[in-house]
Amino acid sequence: MIFIAAFISFVSFMVLMMHMPGHMIRKLVGQMWIPDILMHGTVLYLFFGTSTMGLIQAEAAAIMFSLWLRYYRWAYGSEKLTLRGWARRSGRMTRAVV
């Protein structure tokens, strides 16, 4: 039952991401440590003192979302902020246009 609720939460993340342009998603996955810290830190902070089942469900959804972001970076590439601006890195299925 926990994993069904986690999957439903993950699908809601995916629906949100489907409405974002590709360059925004690439910028998000380019700075991977920031979304990871914010997401997992927020889940732990919000669920302190509540039921363990709710914490497990929320953390499982956050882990699935984090794994999806890593897959997206591997498959479709990312854009990382450098001193010279945004640098595009291509993924396995794309080619960066310079």
Protein backbone atom coordinates (compact mmCIF):
# COMPACT_ATOMS: atom_id res chain seq x y z
CA MET A 1 0.00 0.00 0.00
CA ILE A 2 2.89 2.36 0.75
CA PHE A 3 4.37 1.91 -2.69
CA ILE A 4 1.04 2.56 -4.40
CA ALA A 5 0.79 5.90 -2.58
CA ALA A 6 4.44 6.65 -3.43
CA PHE A 7 3.79 5.85 -7.09
CA ILE A 8 0.78 8.19 -7.14
CA SER A 9 2.94 10.97 -5.66
CA PHE A 10 5.64 10.24 -8.24
CA VAL A 11 3.10 10.47 -11.07
CA SER A 12 2.01 13.88 -9.78
CA PHE A 13 5.67 15.01 -9.95
CA MET A 14 5.84 13.71 -13.51
CA VAL A 15 2.69 15.60 -14.54
CA LEU A 16 4.26 18.77 -13.16
CA MET A 17 7.51 18.12 -15.04
CA MET A 18 5.66 17.47 -18.32
CA HIS A 19 4.49 21.08 -18.30
CA MET A 20 8.01 22.48 -17.97
CA PRO A 21 10.08 23.33 -21.07
CA GLY A 22 13.05 21.07 -21.85
CA HIS A 23 15.67 23.71 -21.12
CA MET A 24 14.27 24.25 -17.61
CA ILE A 25 14.43 20.53 -16.87
CA ARG A 26 18.01 20.37 -18.22
CA LYS A 27 18.98 23.29 -15.96
CA LEU A 28 17.33 21.59 -12.99
CA VAL A 29 19.18 18.31 -13.54
CA GLY A 30 22.43 20.16 -14.26
CA GLN A 31 22.46 21.43 -10.67
CA MET A 32 21.50 18.02 -9.28
CA TRP A 33 22.65 18.43 -5.68
CA ILE A 34 20.38 21.43 -5.04
CA PRO A 35 17.08 19.65 -5.90
CA ASP A 36 18.23 16.54 -4.01
CA ILE A 37 18.99 18.43 -0.80
CA LEU A 38 15.83 20.52 -1.01
CA MET A 39 13.56 17.59 -1.78
CA HIS A 40 14.85 15.10 0.79
CA GLY A 41 15.39 17.77 3.45
CA THR A 42 11.85 19.06 2.99
CA VAL A 43 10.37 15.57 3.18
CA LEU A 44 12.24 14.78 6.39
CA TYR A 45 11.42 18.14 7.96
CA LEU A 46 7.72 17.98 7.10
CA PHE A 47 7.23 14.44 8.34
CA PHE A 48 9.11 14.66 11.67
CA GLY A 49 6.67 13.72 14.39
CA THR A 50 4.07 12.25 12.06
CA SER A 51 3.35 8.70 11.09
CA THR A 52 6.18 6.51 9.90
CA MET A 53 4.04 5.29 6.99
CA GLY A 54 3.65 8.83 5.68
CA LEU A 55 7.39 9.43 5.93
CA ILE A 56 8.18 6.18 4.10
CA GLN A 57 5.67 7.01 1.35
CA ALA A 58 6.97 10.55 0.85
CA GLU A 59 10.61 9.49 0.90
CA ALA A 60 9.94 6.65 -1.56
CA ALA A 61 8.32 9.15 -3.93
CA ALA A 62 11.27 11.52 -3.51
CA ILE A 63 13.74 8.71 -4.25
CA MET A 64 11.83 7.75 -7.42
CA PHE A 65 11.80 11.40 -8.52
CA SER A 66 15.53 11.74 -7.82
CA LEU A 67 16.26 8.60 -9.85
CA TRP A 68 14.14 9.94 -12.71
CA LEU A 69 16.13 13.20 -12.70
CA ARG A 70 19.39 11.23 -12.87
CA TYR A 71 18.04 9.16 -15.76
CA TYR A 72 16.98 12.33 -17.57
CA ARG A 73 20.49 13.78 -17.16
CA TRP A 74 22.06 10.58 -18.49
CA ALA A 75 19.66 10.19 -21.43
CA TYR A 76 18.89 13.75 -22.51
CA GLY A 77 21.74 15.84 -21.11
CA SER A 78 21.88 18.83 -18.81
CA GLU A 79 22.83 22.48 -18.63
CA LYS A 80 25.25 23.45 -15.88
CA LEU A 81 25.92 27.01 -14.73
CA THR A 82 29.58 27.95 -15.15
CA LEU A 83 31.44 31.24 -14.89
CA ARG A 84 30.85 31.80 -18.62
CA GLY A 85 27.11 31.04 -18.54
CA TRP A 86 25.07 27.91 -19.09
CA ALA A 87 27.11 25.04 -20.59
CA ARG A 88 25.10 22.34 -22.37
CA ARG A 89 26.14 18.71 -21.96
CA SER A 90 24.60 16.19 -24.30
CA GLY A 91 23.08 12.92 -23.16
CA ARG A 92 23.10 9.46 -24.69
CA MET A 93 20.04 10.17 -26.85
CA THR A 94 20.78 13.79 -27.81
CA ARG A 95 23.52 15.85 -29.33
CA ALA A 96 24.42 19.29 -27.97
CA VAL A 97 24.12 22.10 -30.49
CA VAL A 98 26.89 24.63 -29.94
